[in-house]
Amino acid sequence: MAGSESVTRARSAPDAVKILIAGGFGVGKTTMVGSVSEIAPLRTEEPLTMAGLGVDDLAGIEEKRSTTVALDFGRITVGDDLVLYLFGTPGQQRFWFMWNDLAIGALGAVVLLDVRRPESSFAAIDFFERRGIPFVVAVNGFHGEHPYPAEEIRDALALPDHVRVLLCDARERISSRDVLIALVDQLIAAAAG
């Protein structure tokens, strides 16, 4: 009996965990999903058009040429028994209605923050706090810069102590992976009690 039990465990599918990557317009959500995904990520990016003039705030991100209109999707295998499915949310306010559907079944989230425009991530923080979905805040260092320490950012956002604030570079796989590991560690600690 013990032998067949171990064979069953070896053949069972890994646990799948749904994680959202959220934040404001242009903070690096698509970049993070793409940098860490072990599969070619699904992207629903479309070019910015004249229709967005006066609607999309491009202050600080004037070079941006496309936007996510539905979601980004990627996958990363953490171990033999754990796979993370990553869902990047659209950042523009006119697409926020999709967040409720994307959040169904999510165990946690990463809120990406751009310190040049921190207010662009306030809605994501509020969204997860209101729904009781655990999250970490990942401060995306554009051009490799992190002008503020994590604790100063925590204080400015008035985050509770259990929410981790991490400095990262969404372009780099290891940095993005470390953010996801920190979130998984936070979820495990919360589940353990």
Protein backbone atom coordinates (compact mmCIF):
# COMPACT_ATOMS: atom_id res chain seq x y z
CA MET A 1 0.00 0.00 0.00
CA ALA A 2 2.78 2.45 0.89
CA GLY A 3 4.46 1.88 -2.50
CA SER A 4 1.31 2.61 -4.48
CA GLU A 5 0.71 5.72 -2.37
CA SER A 6 4.12 7.16 -3.33
CA VAL A 7 3.50 6.35 -7.01
CA THR A 8 0.19 8.21 -6.80
CA ARG A 9 1.91 11.24 -5.25
CA ALA A 10 4.63 11.20 -7.89
CA ARG A 11 2.04 11.24 -10.66
CA SER A 12 -0.25 13.85 -9.14
CA ALA A 13 -0.37 17.29 -10.66
CA PRO A 14 1.41 20.12 -8.87
CA ASP A 15 -0.61 22.64 -6.90
CA ALA A 16 -1.57 25.57 -9.09
CA VAL A 17 -1.62 29.03 -7.54
CA LYS A 18 -3.15 32.03 -9.29
CA ILE A 19 -1.24 35.28 -8.72
CA LEU A 20 -2.21 38.72 -10.03
CA ILE A 21 0.37 41.28 -11.13
CA ALA A 22 -1.34 44.65 -10.75
CA GLY A 23 -0.60 48.34 -10.60
CA GLY A 24 -1.10 51.51 -12.54
CA PHE A 25 -0.67 52.26 -16.21
CA GLY A 26 2.93 51.82 -17.34
CA VAL A 27 4.43 50.45 -14.09
CA GLY A 28 5.89 47.30 -15.69
CA LYS A 29 3.26 44.57 -15.27
CA THR A 30 3.67 43.17 -18.79
CA THR A 31 7.43 43.39 -18.42
CA MET A 32 7.38 41.46 -15.12
CA VAL A 33 5.19 38.66 -16.46
CA GLY A 34 7.39 38.39 -19.54
CA SER A 35 10.66 38.41 -17.62
CA VAL A 36 9.76 35.57 -15.27
CA SER A 37 7.44 33.35 -17.31
CA GLU A 38 8.87 30.00 -18.40
CA ILE A 39 6.45 29.96 -21.34
CA ALA A 40 5.99 32.57 -24.03
CA PRO A 41 3.59 34.93 -22.26
CA LEU A 42 0.17 35.66 -23.63
CA ARG A 43 -0.10 39.40 -24.15
CA THR A 44 -3.09 41.46 -25.14
CA GLU A 45 -1.23 44.63 -25.96
CA GLU A 46 -2.50 47.11 -28.49
CA PRO A 47 -0.93 50.31 -29.76
CA LEU A 48 -1.90 53.54 -28.05
CA THR A 49 -4.11 55.54 -30.37
CA MET A 50 -5.50 59.03 -30.70
CA ALA A 51 -8.63 57.79 -28.86
CA GLY A 52 -6.57 57.76 -25.66
CA LEU A 53 -5.55 61.41 -25.90
CA GLY A 54 -6.95 63.27 -22.94
CA VAL A 55 -7.86 59.94 -21.29
CA ASP A 56 -4.50 58.25 -20.74
CA ASP A 57 -2.06 60.07 -18.48
CA LEU A 58 1.35 59.63 -20.10
CA ALA A 59 3.17 61.95 -17.68
CA GLY A 60 6.50 60.28 -16.93
CA ILE A 61 5.93 57.53 -19.50
CA GLU A 62 5.81 59.55 -22.71
CA GLU A 63 7.78 56.84 -24.57
CA LYS A 64 5.03 54.24 -23.98
CA ARG A 65 3.58 53.03 -27.30
CA SER A 66 1.26 50.15 -26.34
CA THR A 67 -1.05 49.09 -23.54
CA THR A 68 -2.57 45.90 -22.14
CA VAL A 69 -6.27 45.82 -22.99
CA ALA A 70 -7.26 42.57 -21.27
CA LEU A 71 -4.53 40.64 -19.46
CA ASP A 72 -1.07 39.16 -19.59
CA PHE A 73 -0.58 35.50 -18.75
CA GLY A 74 2.51 33.55 -17.80
CA ARG A 75 3.59 30.54 -15.79
CA ILE A 76 6.51 29.73 -13.51
CA THR A 77 7.24 26.40 -11.90
CA VAL A 78 8.49 26.91 -8.36
CA GLY A 79 9.04 23.22 -7.61
CA ASP A 80 7.75 19.74 -8.42
CA ASP A 81 4.65 20.44 -6.38
CA LEU A 82 3.96 24.15 -7.10
CA VAL A 83 3.19 26.13 -10.25
CA LEU A 84 2.32 29.82 -10.28
CA TYR A 85 -0.05 31.12 -12.94
CA LEU A 86 0.51 34.83 -13.41
CA PHE A 87 -2.23 37.17 -14.57
CA GLY A 88 -1.18 40.73 -15.35
CA THR A 89 -4.03 43.21 -15.01
CA PRO A 90 -4.66 46.13 -17.35
CA GLY A 91 -3.49 49.39 -15.82
CA GLN A 92 -5.73 51.98 -17.41
CA GLN A 93 -8.81 52.97 -15.46
CA ARG A 94 -11.15 52.26 -18.36
CA PHE A 95 -10.14 48.56 -18.16
CA TRP A 96 -10.38 48.18 -14.37
CA PHE A 97 -13.79 46.49 -14.67
CA MET A 98 -11.82 43.35 -15.62
CA TRP A 99 -10.03 43.19 -12.27
CA ASN A 100 -13.00 41.61 -10.49
CA ASP A 101 -13.07 38.69 -12.91
CA LEU A 102 -9.29 38.31 -12.90
CA ALA A 103 -9.27 38.24 -9.08
CA ILE A 104 -11.57 35.21 -8.87
CA GLY A 105 -9.51 32.38 -7.41
CA ALA A 106 -6.38 34.48 -6.89
CA LEU A 107 -4.47 33.59 -3.72
CA GLY A 108 -2.30 36.68 -3.79
CA ALA A 109 -1.02 39.61 -5.77
CA VAL A 110 2.01 41.71 -6.57
CA VAL A 111 1.32 45.44 -6.72
CA LEU A 112 3.98 47.08 -8.87
CA LEU A 113 4.79 50.65 -7.97
CA ASP A 114 6.67 53.31 -9.89
CA VAL A 115 8.09 55.85 -7.41
CA ARG A 116 7.94 58.51 -10.12
CA ARG A 117 4.14 58.06 -10.10
CA PRO A 118 3.15 56.28 -6.87
CA GLU A 119 -0.45 57.45 -7.09
CA SER A 120 -0.90 55.21 -10.15
CA SER A 121 -0.80 52.15 -7.86
CA PHE A 122 -3.11 53.38 -5.10
CA ALA A 123 -6.17 51.82 -6.75
CA ALA A 124 -4.49 48.39 -6.87
CA ILE A 125 -3.54 48.55 -3.18
CA ASP A 126 -7.08 49.57 -2.29
CA PHE A 127 -8.55 46.80 -4.48
CA PHE A 128 -6.64 44.03 -2.69
CA GLU A 129 -7.10 45.50 0.79
CA ARG A 130 -10.88 45.71 0.31
CA ARG A 131 -11.09 42.11 -0.90
CA GLY A 132 -8.73 40.68 1.69
CA ILE A 133 -6.37 39.33 -0.98
CA PRO A 134 -2.80 39.19 0.38
CA PHE A 135 -0.28 41.20 -1.60
CA VAL A 136 3.28 42.48 -1.66
CA VAL A 137 4.36 45.82 -3.07
CA ALA A 138 7.23 45.62 -5.56
CA VAL A 139 8.89 48.94 -6.30
CA ASN A 140 10.03 48.76 -9.91
CA GLY A 141 13.36 50.56 -10.25
CA PHE A 142 13.19 52.18 -13.65
CA HIS A 143 16.67 52.62 -15.12
CA GLY A 144 17.99 50.62 -12.14
CA GLU A 145 17.20 53.45 -9.73
CA HIS A 146 15.71 53.09 -6.25
CA PRO A 147 15.74 56.59 -4.75
CA TYR A 148 13.78 55.60 -1.64
CA PRO A 149 14.32 52.73 0.81
CA ALA A 150 11.53 50.16 1.22
CA GLU A 151 10.60 51.33 4.74
CA GLU A 152 10.15 54.92 3.58
CA ILE A 153 7.82 53.70 0.83
CA ARG A 154 5.89 51.56 3.36
CA ASP A 155 5.39 54.61 5.58
CA ALA A 156 4.30 56.79 2.65
CA LEU A 157 1.72 54.17 1.60
CA ALA A 158 0.60 53.56 5.22
CA LEU A 159 0.91 49.81 4.70
CA PRO A 160 0.54 47.38 7.60
CA ASP A 161 3.68 45.54 8.75
CA HIS A 162 2.61 42.20 7.26
CA VAL A 163 2.68 43.63 3.70
CA ARG A 164 6.18 43.25 2.32
CA VAL A 165 7.71 46.08 0.32
CA LEU A 166 10.44 44.94 -2.05
CA LEU A 167 12.74 46.76 -4.42
CA CYS A 168 12.93 45.10 -7.84
CA ASP A 169 13.66 45.47 -11.51
CA ALA A 170 10.75 43.99 -13.47
CA ARG A 171 13.01 43.50 -16.50
CA GLU A 172 15.19 40.97 -14.69
CA ARG A 173 14.04 37.39 -14.23
CA ILE A 174 15.78 36.83 -10.90
CA SER A 175 14.42 40.05 -9.43
CA SER A 176 10.86 39.21 -10.55
CA ARG A 177 11.25 35.65 -9.28
CA ASP A 178 12.38 36.91 -5.88
CA VAL A 179 9.25 39.09 -5.62
CA LEU A 180 7.07 36.06 -6.36
CA ILE A 181 8.94 33.94 -3.81
CA ALA A 182 8.41 36.66 -1.18
CA LEU A 183 4.68 36.62 -1.95
CA VAL A 184 4.51 32.81 -1.72
CA ASP A 185 6.41 32.94 1.60
CA GLN A 186 3.90 35.53 2.87
CA LEU A 187 0.97 33.31 1.79
CA ILE A 188 2.49 30.27 3.49
CA ALA A 189 3.13 32.22 6.71
CA ALA A 190 -0.45 33.52 6.72
CA ALA A 191 -1.85 30.03 6.14
CA ALA A 192 0.28 28.61 8.94
CA GLY A 193 -1.27 31.08 11.24
